[in-house]
mmCIF file of all heavy atoms, coordinates in Angstrom:
data_MODEL
# 
_entry.id   MODEL 
# 
loop_
_atom_site.group_PDB 
_atom_site.id 
_atom_site.type_symbol 
_atom_site.label_atom_id 
_atom_site.label_alt_id 
_atom_site.label_comp_id 
_atom_site.label_asym_id 
_atom_site.label_entity_id 
_atom_site.label_seq_id 
_atom_site.pdbx_PDB_ins_code 
_atom_site.Cartn_x 
_atom_site.Cartn_y 
_atom_site.Cartn_z 
_atom_site.occupancy 
_atom_site.B_iso_or_equiv 
_atom_site.pdbx_formal_charge 
_atom_site.auth_seq_id 
_atom_site.auth_comp_id 
_atom_site.auth_asym_id 
_atom_site.auth_atom_id 
_atom_site.pdbx_PDB_model_num 
ATOM 1   N N   . GLU A 1 1  ? -6.458  -0.147  -9.846  1.00 0.00 ? 1  GLU A N   1 
ATOM 2   C CA  . GLU A 1 1  ? -7.088  -0.666  -8.719  1.00 0.00 ? 1  GLU A CA  1 
ATOM 3   C C   . GLU A 1 1  ? -6.939  0.118   -7.463  1.00 0.00 ? 1  GLU A C   1 
ATOM 4   O O   . GLU A 1 1  ? -7.527  -0.184  -6.383  1.00 0.00 ? 1  GLU A O   1 
ATOM 5   C CB  . GLU A 1 1  ? -6.407  -2.086  -8.445  1.00 0.00 ? 1  GLU A CB  1 
ATOM 6   C CG  . GLU A 1 1  ? -6.745  -3.134  -9.578  1.00 0.00 ? 1  GLU A CG  1 
ATOM 7   C CD  . GLU A 1 1  ? -8.184  -3.505  -9.554  1.00 0.00 ? 1  GLU A CD  1 
ATOM 8   O OE1 . GLU A 1 1  ? -8.858  -3.550  -8.528  1.00 0.00 ? 1  GLU A OE1 1 
ATOM 9   O OE2 . GLU A 1 1  ? -8.694  -3.815  -10.730 1.00 0.00 ? 1  GLU A OE2 1 
ATOM 10  N N   . ARG A 1 2  ? -6.244  1.238   -7.621  1.00 0.00 ? 2  ARG A N   1 
ATOM 11  C CA  . ARG A 1 2  ? -6.131  2.202   -6.453  1.00 0.00 ? 2  ARG A CA  1 
ATOM 12  C C   . ARG A 1 2  ? -5.549  1.516   -5.273  1.00 0.00 ? 2  ARG A C   1 
ATOM 13  O O   . ARG A 1 2  ? -5.983  1.524   -4.160  1.00 0.00 ? 2  ARG A O   1 
ATOM 14  C CB  . ARG A 1 2  ? -7.434  2.852   -6.161  1.00 0.00 ? 2  ARG A CB  1 
ATOM 15  C CG  . ARG A 1 2  ? -7.965  3.781   -7.310  1.00 0.00 ? 2  ARG A CG  1 
ATOM 16  C CD  . ARG A 1 2  ? -9.377  4.242   -6.984  1.00 0.00 ? 2  ARG A CD  1 
ATOM 17  N NE  . ARG A 1 2  ? -9.504  5.021   -5.666  1.00 0.00 ? 2  ARG A NE  1 
ATOM 18  C CZ  . ARG A 1 2  ? -10.648 5.451   -5.102  1.00 0.00 ? 2  ARG A CZ  1 
ATOM 19  N NH1 . ARG A 1 2  ? -11.750 5.148   -5.737  1.00 0.00 ? 2  ARG A NH1 1 
ATOM 20  N NH2 . ARG A 1 2  ? -10.589 5.992   -3.950  1.00 0.00 ? 2  ARG A NH2 1 
ATOM 21  N N   . ARG A 1 3  ? -4.342  0.894   -5.367  1.00 0.00 ? 3  ARG A N   1 
ATOM 22  C CA  . ARG A 1 3  ? -3.702  0.309   -4.317  1.00 0.00 ? 3  ARG A CA  1 
ATOM 23  C C   . ARG A 1 3  ? -2.195  0.298   -4.534  1.00 0.00 ? 3  ARG A C   1 
ATOM 24  O O   . ARG A 1 3  ? -1.709  0.286   -5.562  1.00 0.00 ? 3  ARG A O   1 
ATOM 25  C CB  . ARG A 1 3  ? -4.243  -1.183  -4.151  1.00 0.00 ? 3  ARG A CB  1 
ATOM 26  C CG  . ARG A 1 3  ? -3.770  -2.127  -5.343  1.00 0.00 ? 3  ARG A CG  1 
ATOM 27  C CD  . ARG A 1 3  ? -4.311  -3.535  -5.098  1.00 0.00 ? 3  ARG A CD  1 
ATOM 28  N NE  . ARG A 1 3  ? -5.735  -3.703  -5.260  1.00 0.00 ? 3  ARG A NE  1 
ATOM 29  C CZ  . ARG A 1 3  ? -6.531  -4.498  -4.614  1.00 0.00 ? 3  ARG A CZ  1 
ATOM 30  N NH1 . ARG A 1 3  ? -5.962  -5.277  -3.675  1.00 0.00 ? 3  ARG A NH1 1 
ATOM 31  N NH2 . ARG A 1 3  ? -7.804  -4.636  -4.809  1.00 0.00 ? 3  ARG A NH2 1 
ATOM 32  N N   . LEU A 1 4  ? -1.562  0.371   -3.347  1.00 0.00 ? 4  LEU A N   1 
ATOM 33  C CA  . LEU A 1 4  ? -0.080  0.228   -3.293  1.00 0.00 ? 4  LEU A CA  1 
ATOM 34  C C   . LEU A 1 4  ? 0.324   -0.841  -2.405  1.00 0.00 ? 4  LEU A C   1 
ATOM 35  O O   . LEU A 1 4  ? -0.067  -0.992  -1.257  1.00 0.00 ? 4  LEU A O   1 
ATOM 36  C CB  . LEU A 1 4  ? 0.516   1.518   -2.569  1.00 0.00 ? 4  LEU A CB  1 
ATOM 37  C CG  . LEU A 1 4  ? 2.120   1.522   -2.471  1.00 0.00 ? 4  LEU A CG  1 
ATOM 38  C CD1 . LEU A 1 4  ? 2.852   1.450   -3.849  1.00 0.00 ? 4  LEU A CD1 1 
ATOM 39  C CD2 . LEU A 1 4  ? 2.479   2.789   -1.691  1.00 0.00 ? 4  LEU A CD2 1 
ATOM 40  N N   . HIS A 1 5  ? 0.983   -1.850  -3.056  1.00 0.00 ? 5  HIS A N   1 
ATOM 41  C CA  . HIS A 1 5  ? 1.327   -3.133  -2.297  1.00 0.00 ? 5  HIS A CA  1 
ATOM 42  C C   . HIS A 1 5  ? 2.522   -2.905  -1.427  1.00 0.00 ? 5  HIS A C   1 
ATOM 43  O O   . HIS A 1 5  ? 3.509   -2.406  -1.892  1.00 0.00 ? 5  HIS A O   1 
ATOM 44  C CB  . HIS A 1 5  ? 1.511   -4.310  -3.361  1.00 0.00 ? 5  HIS A CB  1 
ATOM 45  C CG  . HIS A 1 5  ? 1.786   -5.565  -2.657  1.00 0.00 ? 5  HIS A CG  1 
ATOM 46  N ND1 . HIS A 1 5  ? 0.857   -6.245  -1.882  1.00 0.00 ? 5  HIS A ND1 1 
ATOM 47  C CD2 . HIS A 1 5  ? 2.833   -6.354  -2.696  1.00 0.00 ? 5  HIS A CD2 1 
ATOM 48  C CE1 . HIS A 1 5  ? 1.309   -7.330  -1.436  1.00 0.00 ? 5  HIS A CE1 1 
ATOM 49  N NE2 . HIS A 1 5  ? 2.584   -7.519  -1.836  1.00 0.00 ? 5  HIS A NE2 1 
ATOM 50  N N   . ILE A 1 6  ? 2.448   -3.355  -0.198  1.00 0.00 ? 6  ILE A N   1 
ATOM 51  C CA  . ILE A 1 6  ? 3.606   -3.322  0.717   1.00 0.00 ? 6  ILE A CA  1 
ATOM 52  C C   . ILE A 1 6  ? 3.938   -4.713  0.992   1.00 0.00 ? 6  ILE A C   1 
ATOM 53  O O   . ILE A 1 6  ? 3.476   -5.456  1.747   1.00 0.00 ? 6  ILE A O   1 
ATOM 54  C CB  . ILE A 1 6  ? 3.187   -2.649  2.091   1.00 0.00 ? 6  ILE A CB  1 
ATOM 55  C CG1 . ILE A 1 6  ? 2.645   -1.235  1.718   1.00 0.00 ? 6  ILE A CG1 1 
ATOM 56  C CG2 . ILE A 1 6  ? 4.459   -2.519  2.956   1.00 0.00 ? 6  ILE A CG2 1 
ATOM 57  C CD1 . ILE A 1 6  ? 3.623   -0.212  1.026   1.00 0.00 ? 6  ILE A CD1 1 
ATOM 58  N N   . PRO A 1 7  ? 5.037   -5.286  0.269   1.00 0.00 ? 7  PRO A N   1 
ATOM 59  C CA  . PRO A 1 7  ? 5.413   -6.635  0.377   1.00 0.00 ? 7  PRO A CA  1 
ATOM 60  C C   . PRO A 1 7  ? 6.106   -7.147  1.581   1.00 0.00 ? 7  PRO A C   1 
ATOM 61  O O   . PRO A 1 7  ? 5.918   -8.255  2.016   1.00 0.00 ? 7  PRO A O   1 
ATOM 62  C CB  . PRO A 1 7  ? 6.151   -6.879  -0.927  1.00 0.00 ? 7  PRO A CB  1 
ATOM 63  C CG  . PRO A 1 7  ? 6.907   -5.502  -1.144  1.00 0.00 ? 7  PRO A CG  1 
ATOM 64  C CD  . PRO A 1 7  ? 5.895   -4.512  -0.756  1.00 0.00 ? 7  PRO A CD  1 
ATOM 65  N N   . THR A 1 8  ? 6.854   -6.205  2.143   1.00 0.00 ? 8  THR A N   1 
ATOM 66  C CA  . THR A 1 8  ? 7.555   -6.632  3.424   1.00 0.00 ? 8  THR A CA  1 
ATOM 67  C C   . THR A 1 8  ? 7.532   -5.605  4.497   1.00 0.00 ? 8  THR A C   1 
ATOM 68  O O   . THR A 1 8  ? 8.478   -4.923  4.851   1.00 0.00 ? 8  THR A O   1 
ATOM 69  C CB  . THR A 1 8  ? 9.100   -6.889  3.146   1.00 0.00 ? 8  THR A CB  1 
ATOM 70  O OG1 . THR A 1 8  ? 9.640   -5.726  2.373   1.00 0.00 ? 8  THR A OG1 1 
ATOM 71  C CG2 . THR A 1 8  ? 9.234   -8.080  2.216   1.00 0.00 ? 8  THR A CG2 1 
ATOM 72  N N   . PRO A 1 9  ? 6.362   -5.479  5.096   1.00 0.00 ? 9  PRO A N   1 
ATOM 73  C CA  . PRO A 1 9  ? 6.204   -4.451  6.146   1.00 0.00 ? 9  PRO A CA  1 
ATOM 74  C C   . PRO A 1 9  ? 6.820   -5.053  7.480   1.00 0.00 ? 9  PRO A C   1 
ATOM 75  O O   . PRO A 1 9  ? 7.428   -6.071  7.486   1.00 0.00 ? 9  PRO A O   1 
ATOM 76  C CB  . PRO A 1 9  ? 4.651   -4.392  6.254   1.00 0.00 ? 9  PRO A CB  1 
ATOM 77  C CG  . PRO A 1 9  ? 4.169   -5.785  5.933   1.00 0.00 ? 9  PRO A CG  1 
ATOM 78  C CD  . PRO A 1 9  ? 5.084   -6.259  4.831   1.00 0.00 ? 9  PRO A CD  1 
ATOM 79  N N   . LYS A 1 10 ? 6.546   -4.263  8.587   1.00 0.00 ? 10 LYS A N   1 
ATOM 80  C CA  . LYS A 1 10 ? 6.982   -4.791  9.841   1.00 0.00 ? 10 LYS A CA  1 
ATOM 81  C C   . LYS A 1 10 ? 6.238   -6.207  10.113  1.00 0.00 ? 10 LYS A C   1 
ATOM 82  O O   . LYS A 1 10 ? 4.995   -6.252  9.947   1.00 0.00 ? 10 LYS A O   1 
ATOM 83  C CB  . LYS A 1 10 ? 6.651   -3.784  10.986  1.00 0.00 ? 10 LYS A CB  1 
ATOM 84  C CG  . LYS A 1 10 ? 7.006   -4.162  12.342  1.00 0.00 ? 10 LYS A CG  1 
ATOM 85  C CD  . LYS A 1 10 ? 6.567   -3.177  13.321  1.00 0.00 ? 10 LYS A CD  1 
ATOM 86  C CE  . LYS A 1 10 ? 7.006   -3.627  14.769  1.00 0.00 ? 10 LYS A CE  1 
ATOM 87  N NZ  . LYS A 1 10 ? 6.510   -2.554  15.814  1.00 0.00 ? 10 LYS A NZ  1 
ATOM 88  N N   . GLY A 1 11 ? 7.005   -7.202  10.457  1.00 0.00 ? 11 GLY A N   1 
ATOM 89  C CA  . GLY A 1 11 ? 6.466   -8.460  10.620  1.00 0.00 ? 11 GLY A CA  1 
ATOM 90  C C   . GLY A 1 11 ? 6.744   -9.441  9.600   1.00 0.00 ? 11 GLY A C   1 
ATOM 91  O O   . GLY A 1 11 ? 6.473   -10.600 9.501   1.00 0.00 ? 11 GLY A O   1 
ATOM 92  N N   . GLY A 1 12 ? 7.363   -8.834  8.459   1.00 0.00 ? 12 GLY A N   1 
ATOM 93  C CA  . GLY A 1 12 ? 7.783   -9.645  7.245   1.00 0.00 ? 12 GLY A CA  1 
ATOM 94  C C   . GLY A 1 12 ? 6.769   -9.956  6.230   1.00 0.00 ? 12 GLY A C   1 
ATOM 95  O O   . GLY A 1 12 ? 5.629   -9.332  6.242   1.00 0.00 ? 12 GLY A O   1 
ATOM 96  N N   . LYS A 1 13 ? 7.090   -10.839 5.261   1.00 0.00 ? 13 LYS A N   1 
ATOM 97  C CA  . LYS A 1 13 ? 6.224   -11.152 4.200   1.00 0.00 ? 13 LYS A CA  1 
ATOM 98  C C   . LYS A 1 13 ? 4.805   -11.586 4.500   1.00 0.00 ? 13 LYS A C   1 
ATOM 99  O O   . LYS A 1 13 ? 3.846   -11.451 3.871   1.00 0.00 ? 13 LYS A O   1 
ATOM 100 C CB  . LYS A 1 13 ? 6.818   -12.107 3.261   1.00 0.00 ? 13 LYS A CB  1 
ATOM 101 C CG  . LYS A 1 13 ? 8.152   -11.572 2.637   1.00 0.00 ? 13 LYS A CG  1 
ATOM 102 C CD  . LYS A 1 13 ? 8.868   -12.683 1.713   1.00 0.00 ? 13 LYS A CD  1 
ATOM 103 C CE  . LYS A 1 13 ? 10.116  -12.075 1.118   1.00 0.00 ? 13 LYS A CE  1 
ATOM 104 N NZ  . LYS A 1 13 ? 10.753  -13.077 0.159   1.00 0.00 ? 13 LYS A NZ  1 
ATOM 105 N N   . ALA A 1 14 ? 4.721   -12.333 5.720   1.00 0.00 ? 14 ALA A N   1 
ATOM 106 C CA  . ALA A 1 14 ? 3.415   -12.798 6.105   1.00 0.00 ? 14 ALA A CA  1 
ATOM 107 C C   . ALA A 1 14 ? 2.400   -11.708 6.437   1.00 0.00 ? 14 ALA A C   1 
ATOM 108 O O   . ALA A 1 14 ? 1.208   -12.009 6.455   1.00 0.00 ? 14 ALA A O   1 
ATOM 109 C CB  . ALA A 1 14 ? 3.609   -13.725 7.332   1.00 0.00 ? 14 ALA A CB  1 
ATOM 110 N N   . ARG A 1 15 ? 2.938   -10.446 6.662   1.00 0.00 ? 15 ARG A N   1 
ATOM 111 C CA  . ARG A 1 15 ? 2.057   -9.354  6.953   1.00 0.00 ? 15 ARG A CA  1 
ATOM 112 C C   . ARG A 1 15 ? 1.850   -8.363  5.883   1.00 0.00 ? 15 ARG A C   1 
ATOM 113 O O   . ARG A 1 15 ? 1.418   -7.259  5.913   1.00 0.00 ? 15 ARG A O   1 
ATOM 114 C CB  . ARG A 1 15 ? 2.582   -8.578  8.175   1.00 0.00 ? 15 ARG A CB  1 
ATOM 115 C CG  . ARG A 1 15 ? 2.859   -9.300  9.499   1.00 0.00 ? 15 ARG A CG  1 
ATOM 116 C CD  . ARG A 1 15 ? 1.385   -9.536  10.098  1.00 0.00 ? 15 ARG A CD  1 
ATOM 117 N NE  . ARG A 1 15 ? 0.718   -8.203  10.354  1.00 0.00 ? 15 ARG A NE  1 
ATOM 118 C CZ  . ARG A 1 15 ? 1.004   -7.399  11.262  1.00 0.00 ? 15 ARG A CZ  1 
ATOM 119 N NH1 . ARG A 1 15 ? 1.919   -7.682  12.112  1.00 0.00 ? 15 ARG A NH1 1 
ATOM 120 N NH2 . ARG A 1 15 ? 0.328   -6.283  11.418  1.00 0.00 ? 15 ARG A NH2 1 
ATOM 121 N N   . ALA A 1 16 ? 2.311   -8.911  4.505   1.00 0.00 ? 16 ALA A N   1 
ATOM 122 C CA  . ALA A 1 16 ? 2.086   -8.032  3.335   1.00 0.00 ? 16 ALA A CA  1 
ATOM 123 C C   . ALA A 1 16 ? 0.661   -7.539  3.204   1.00 0.00 ? 16 ALA A C   1 
ATOM 124 O O   . ALA A 1 16 ? -0.261  -8.260  3.530   1.00 0.00 ? 16 ALA A O   1 
ATOM 125 C CB  . ALA A 1 16 ? 2.452   -8.743  2.162   1.00 0.00 ? 16 ALA A CB  1 
ATOM 126 N N   . TYR A 1 17 ? 0.447   -6.311  2.707   1.00 0.00 ? 17 TYR A N   1 
ATOM 127 C CA  . TYR A 1 17 ? -0.901  -5.808  2.656   1.00 0.00 ? 17 TYR A CA  1 
ATOM 128 C C   . TYR A 1 17 ? -0.863  -4.705  1.513   1.00 0.00 ? 17 TYR A C   1 
ATOM 129 O O   . TYR A 1 17 ? 0.154   -4.339  1.009   1.00 0.00 ? 17 TYR A O   1 
ATOM 130 C CB  . TYR A 1 17 ? -1.334  -5.187  3.896   1.00 0.00 ? 17 TYR A CB  1 
ATOM 131 C CG  . TYR A 1 17 ? -0.718  -3.958  4.304   1.00 0.00 ? 17 TYR A CG  1 
ATOM 132 C CD1 . TYR A 1 17 ? -1.342  -2.695  4.411   1.00 0.00 ? 17 TYR A CD1 1 
ATOM 133 C CD2 . TYR A 1 17 ? 0.545   -4.036  4.795   1.00 0.00 ? 17 TYR A CD2 1 
ATOM 134 C CE1 . TYR A 1 17 ? -0.782  -1.480  4.729   1.00 0.00 ? 17 TYR A CE1 1 
ATOM 135 C CE2 . TYR A 1 17 ? 1.290   -2.831  5.231   1.00 0.00 ? 17 TYR A CE2 1 
ATOM 136 C CZ  . TYR A 1 17 ? 0.603   -1.597  5.163   1.00 0.00 ? 17 TYR A CZ  1 
ATOM 137 O OH  . TYR A 1 17 ? 1.120   -0.363  5.587   1.00 0.00 ? 17 TYR A OH  1 
ATOM 138 N N   . ASP A 1 18 ? -2.044  -4.216  1.186   1.00 0.00 ? 18 ASP A N   1 
ATOM 139 C CA  . ASP A 1 18 ? -2.288  -3.281  0.217   1.00 0.00 ? 18 ASP A CA  1 
ATOM 140 C C   . ASP A 1 18 ? -2.774  -1.938  0.891   1.00 0.00 ? 18 ASP A C   1 
ATOM 141 O O   . ASP A 1 18 ? -3.781  -2.055  1.627   1.00 0.00 ? 18 ASP A O   1 
ATOM 142 C CB  . ASP A 1 18 ? -3.205  -3.738  -0.947  1.00 0.00 ? 18 ASP A CB  1 
ATOM 143 C CG  . ASP A 1 18 ? -2.625  -4.727  -1.936  1.00 0.00 ? 18 ASP A CG  1 
ATOM 144 O OD1 . ASP A 1 18 ? -1.441  -4.908  -1.760  1.00 0.00 ? 18 ASP A OD1 1 
ATOM 145 O OD2 . ASP A 1 18 ? -3.371  -5.412  -2.580  1.00 0.00 ? 18 ASP A OD2 1 
ATOM 146 N N   . ILE A 1 19 ? -2.368  -0.805  0.426   1.00 0.00 ? 19 ILE A N   1 
ATOM 147 C CA  . ILE A 1 19 ? -2.860  0.367   0.946   1.00 0.00 ? 19 ILE A CA  1 
ATOM 148 C C   . ILE A 1 19 ? -3.856  0.994   -0.108  1.00 0.00 ? 19 ILE A C   1 
ATOM 149 O O   . ILE A 1 19 ? -3.548  1.177   -1.210  1.00 0.00 ? 19 ILE A O   1 
ATOM 150 C CB  . ILE A 1 19 ? -1.746  1.453   1.094   1.00 0.00 ? 19 ILE A CB  1 
ATOM 151 C CG1 . ILE A 1 19 ? -0.647  0.971   2.061   1.00 0.00 ? 19 ILE A CG1 1 
ATOM 152 C CG2 . ILE A 1 19 ? -2.257  2.844   1.597   1.00 0.00 ? 19 ILE A CG2 1 
ATOM 153 C CD1 . ILE A 1 19 ? 0.552   1.909   2.201   1.00 0.00 ? 19 ILE A CD1 1 
ATOM 154 N N   . PRO A 1 20 ? -5.149  1.259   0.424   1.00 0.00 ? 20 PRO A N   1 
ATOM 155 C CA  . PRO A 1 20 ? -6.117  1.820   -0.521  1.00 0.00 ? 20 PRO A CA  1 
ATOM 156 C C   . PRO A 1 20 ? -5.728  3.253   -0.732  1.00 0.00 ? 20 PRO A C   1 
ATOM 157 O O   . PRO A 1 20 ? -5.291  3.941   0.065   1.00 0.00 ? 20 PRO A O   1 
ATOM 158 C CB  . PRO A 1 20 ? -7.440  1.663   0.259   1.00 0.00 ? 20 PRO A CB  1 
ATOM 159 C CG  . PRO A 1 20 ? -7.157  0.830   1.374   1.00 0.00 ? 20 PRO A CG  1 
ATOM 160 C CD  . PRO A 1 20 ? -5.802  0.941   1.739   1.00 0.00 ? 20 PRO A CD  1 
ATOM 161 N N   . LEU A 1 21 ? -5.804  3.696   -2.058  1.00 0.00 ? 21 LEU A N   1 
ATOM 162 C CA  . LEU A 1 21 ? -5.358  5.048   -2.379  1.00 0.00 ? 21 LEU A CA  1 
ATOM 163 C C   . LEU A 1 21 ? -6.548  5.915   -2.881  1.00 0.00 ? 21 LEU A C   1 
ATOM 164 O O   . LEU A 1 21 ? -7.397  5.553   -3.653  1.00 0.00 ? 21 LEU A O   1 
ATOM 165 C CB  . LEU A 1 21 ? -4.448  4.950   -3.605  1.00 0.00 ? 21 LEU A CB  1 
ATOM 166 C CG  . LEU A 1 21 ? -3.075  4.075   -3.482  1.00 0.00 ? 21 LEU A CG  1 
ATOM 167 C CD1 . LEU A 1 21 ? -2.301  3.933   -4.665  1.00 0.00 ? 21 LEU A CD1 1 
ATOM 168 C CD2 . LEU A 1 21 ? -2.281  4.687   -2.281  1.00 0.00 ? 21 LEU A CD2 1 
ATOM 169 N N   . THR A 1 22 ? -6.498  7.100   -2.327  1.00 0.00 ? 22 THR A N   1 
ATOM 170 C CA  . THR A 1 22 ? -7.605  8.051   -2.652  1.00 0.00 ? 22 THR A CA  1 
ATOM 171 C C   . THR A 1 22 ? -6.989  9.095   -3.676  1.00 0.00 ? 22 THR A C   1 
ATOM 172 O O   . THR A 1 22 ? -5.823  9.008   -3.999  1.00 0.00 ? 22 THR A O   1 
ATOM 173 C CB  . THR A 1 22 ? -7.890  8.896   -1.277  1.00 0.00 ? 22 THR A CB  1 
ATOM 174 O OG1 . THR A 1 22 ? -6.844  9.599   -0.865  1.00 0.00 ? 22 THR A OG1 1 
ATOM 175 C CG2 . THR A 1 22 ? -8.515  7.977   -0.167  1.00 0.00 ? 22 THR A CG2 1 
ATOM 176 N N   . ARG A 1 23 ? -7.915  10.016  -4.128  1.00 0.00 ? 23 ARG A N   1 
ATOM 177 C CA  . ARG A 1 23 ? -7.378  10.955  -5.149  1.00 0.00 ? 23 ARG A CA  1 
ATOM 178 C C   . ARG A 1 23 ? -6.254  11.750  -4.533  1.00 0.00 ? 23 ARG A C   1 
ATOM 179 O O   . ARG A 1 23 ? -5.302  12.022  -5.129  1.00 0.00 ? 23 ARG A O   1 
ATOM 180 C CB  . ARG A 1 23 ? -8.541  11.912  -5.544  1.00 0.00 ? 23 ARG A CB  1 
ATOM 181 C CG  . ARG A 1 23 ? -9.484  11.134  -6.453  1.00 0.00 ? 23 ARG A CG  1 
ATOM 182 C CD  . ARG A 1 23 ? -10.597 12.045  -7.072  1.00 0.00 ? 23 ARG A CD  1 
ATOM 183 N NE  . ARG A 1 23 ? -9.980  13.093  -7.857  1.00 0.00 ? 23 ARG A NE  1 
ATOM 184 C CZ  . ARG A 1 23 ? -10.701 14.182  -8.182  1.00 0.00 ? 23 ARG A CZ  1 
ATOM 185 N NH1 . ARG A 1 23 ? -11.907 14.361  -7.898  1.00 0.00 ? 23 ARG A NH1 1 
ATOM 186 N NH2 . ARG A 1 23 ? -10.113 15.153  -8.992  1.00 0.00 ? 23 ARG A NH2 1 
ATOM 187 N N   . PRO A 1 24 ? -6.404  12.299  -3.249  1.00 0.00 ? 24 PRO A N   1 
ATOM 188 C CA  . PRO A 1 24 ? -5.269  13.075  -2.739  1.00 0.00 ? 24 PRO A CA  1 
ATOM 189 C C   . PRO A 1 24 ? -4.028  12.274  -2.694  1.00 0.00 ? 24 PRO A C   1 
ATOM 190 O O   . PRO A 1 24 ? -2.811  12.811  -2.865  1.00 0.00 ? 24 PRO A O   1 
ATOM 191 C CB  . PRO A 1 24 ? -5.777  13.580  -1.388  1.00 0.00 ? 24 PRO A CB  1 
ATOM 192 C CG  . PRO A 1 24 ? -7.256  13.523  -1.506  1.00 0.00 ? 24 PRO A CG  1 
ATOM 193 C CD  . PRO A 1 24 ? -7.512  12.403  -2.467  1.00 0.00 ? 24 PRO A CD  1 
ATOM 194 N N   . MET A 1 25 ? -4.042  10.973  -2.364  1.00 0.00 ? 25 MET A N   1 
ATOM 195 C CA  . MET A 1 25 ? -2.890  10.169  -2.217  1.00 0.00 ? 25 MET A CA  1 
ATOM 196 C C   . MET A 1 25 ? -2.314  9.988   -3.625  1.00 0.00 ? 25 MET A C   1 
ATOM 197 O O   . MET A 1 25 ? -1.087  9.805   -3.752  1.00 0.00 ? 25 MET A O   1 
ATOM 198 C CB  . MET A 1 25 ? -3.223  8.805   -1.525  1.00 0.00 ? 25 MET A CB  1 
ATOM 199 C CG  . MET A 1 25 ? -3.652  8.963   -0.127  1.00 0.00 ? 25 MET A CG  1 
ATOM 200 S SD  . MET A 1 25 ? -4.443  7.507   0.517   1.00 0.00 ? 25 MET A SD  1 
ATOM 201 C CE  . MET A 1 25 ? -3.012  6.453   0.827   1.00 0.00 ? 25 MET A CE  1 
ATOM 202 N N   . LEU A 1 26 ? -3.113  9.679   -4.656  1.00 0.00 ? 26 LEU A N   1 
ATOM 203 C CA  . LEU A 1 26 ? -2.590  9.447   -5.961  1.00 0.00 ? 26 LEU A CA  1 
ATOM 204 C C   . LEU A 1 26 ? -2.043  10.795  -6.461  1.00 0.00 ? 26 LEU A C   1 
ATOM 205 O O   . LEU A 1 26 ? -0.937  10.734  -7.187  1.00 0.00 ? 26 LEU A O   1 
ATOM 206 C CB  . LEU A 1 26 ? -3.766  9.022   -6.796  1.00 0.00 ? 26 LEU A CB  1 
ATOM 207 C CG  . LEU A 1 26 ? -4.299  7.549   -6.766  1.00 0.00 ? 26 LEU A CG  1 
ATOM 208 C CD1 . LEU A 1 26 ? -5.553  7.544   -7.494  1.00 0.00 ? 26 LEU A CD1 1 
ATOM 209 C CD2 . LEU A 1 26 ? -3.194  6.561   -7.115  1.00 0.00 ? 26 LEU A CD2 1 
ATOM 210 N N   . ALA A 1 27 ? -2.520  11.903  -6.154  1.00 0.00 ? 27 ALA A N   1 
ATOM 211 C CA  . ALA A 1 27 ? -1.960  13.211  -6.509  1.00 0.00 ? 27 ALA A CA  1 
ATOM 212 C C   . ALA A 1 27 ? -0.639  13.470  -5.870  1.00 0.00 ? 27 ALA A C   1 
ATOM 213 O O   . ALA A 1 27 ? 0.271   13.890  -6.433  1.00 0.00 ? 27 ALA A O   1 
ATOM 214 C CB  . ALA A 1 27 ? -2.946  14.359  -6.138  1.00 0.00 ? 27 ALA A CB  1 
ATOM 215 N N   . CYS A 1 28 ? -0.501  13.037  -4.639  1.00 0.00 ? 28 CYS A N   1 
ATOM 216 C CA  . CYS A 1 28 ? 0.714   13.098  -3.924  1.00 0.00 ? 28 CYS A CA  1 
ATOM 217 C C   . CYS A 1 28 ? 1.782   12.246  -4.607  1.00 0.00 ? 28 CYS A C   1 
ATOM 218 O O   . CYS A 1 28 ? 2.970   12.707  -4.733  1.00 0.00 ? 28 CYS A O   1 
ATOM 219 C CB  . CYS A 1 28 ? 0.524   12.604  -2.492  1.00 0.00 ? 28 CYS A CB  1 
ATOM 220 S SG  . CYS A 1 28 ? 1.916   12.529  -1.481  1.00 0.00 ? 28 CYS A SG  1 
ATOM 221 N N   . LEU A 1 29 ? 1.448   11.121  -5.060  1.00 0.00 ? 29 LEU A N   1 
ATOM 222 C CA  . LEU A 1 29 ? 2.384   10.181  -5.652  1.00 0.00 ? 29 LEU A CA  1 
ATOM 223 C C   . LEU A 1 29 ? 2.803   10.726  -6.988  1.00 0.00 ? 29 LEU A C   1 
ATOM 224 O O   . LEU A 1 29 ? 3.898   10.633  -7.504  1.00 0.00 ? 29 LEU A O   1 
ATOM 225 C CB  . LEU A 1 29 ? 1.778   8.774   -5.831  1.00 0.00 ? 29 LEU A CB  1 
ATOM 226 C CG  . LEU A 1 29 ? 1.654   8.058   -4.542  1.00 0.00 ? 29 LEU A CG  1 
ATOM 227 C CD1 . LEU A 1 29 ? 0.939   6.660   -4.785  1.00 0.00 ? 29 LEU A CD1 1 
ATOM 228 C CD2 . LEU A 1 29 ? 2.961   7.792   -3.788  1.00 0.00 ? 29 LEU A CD2 1 
# 
């Protein structure tokens, strides 16, 4: 799905979000 879930960012669980991942980002990981 090309996403990295961030469950507890600044602001807590209510601000959880997904980071869209590009090819360079996936290669980095």
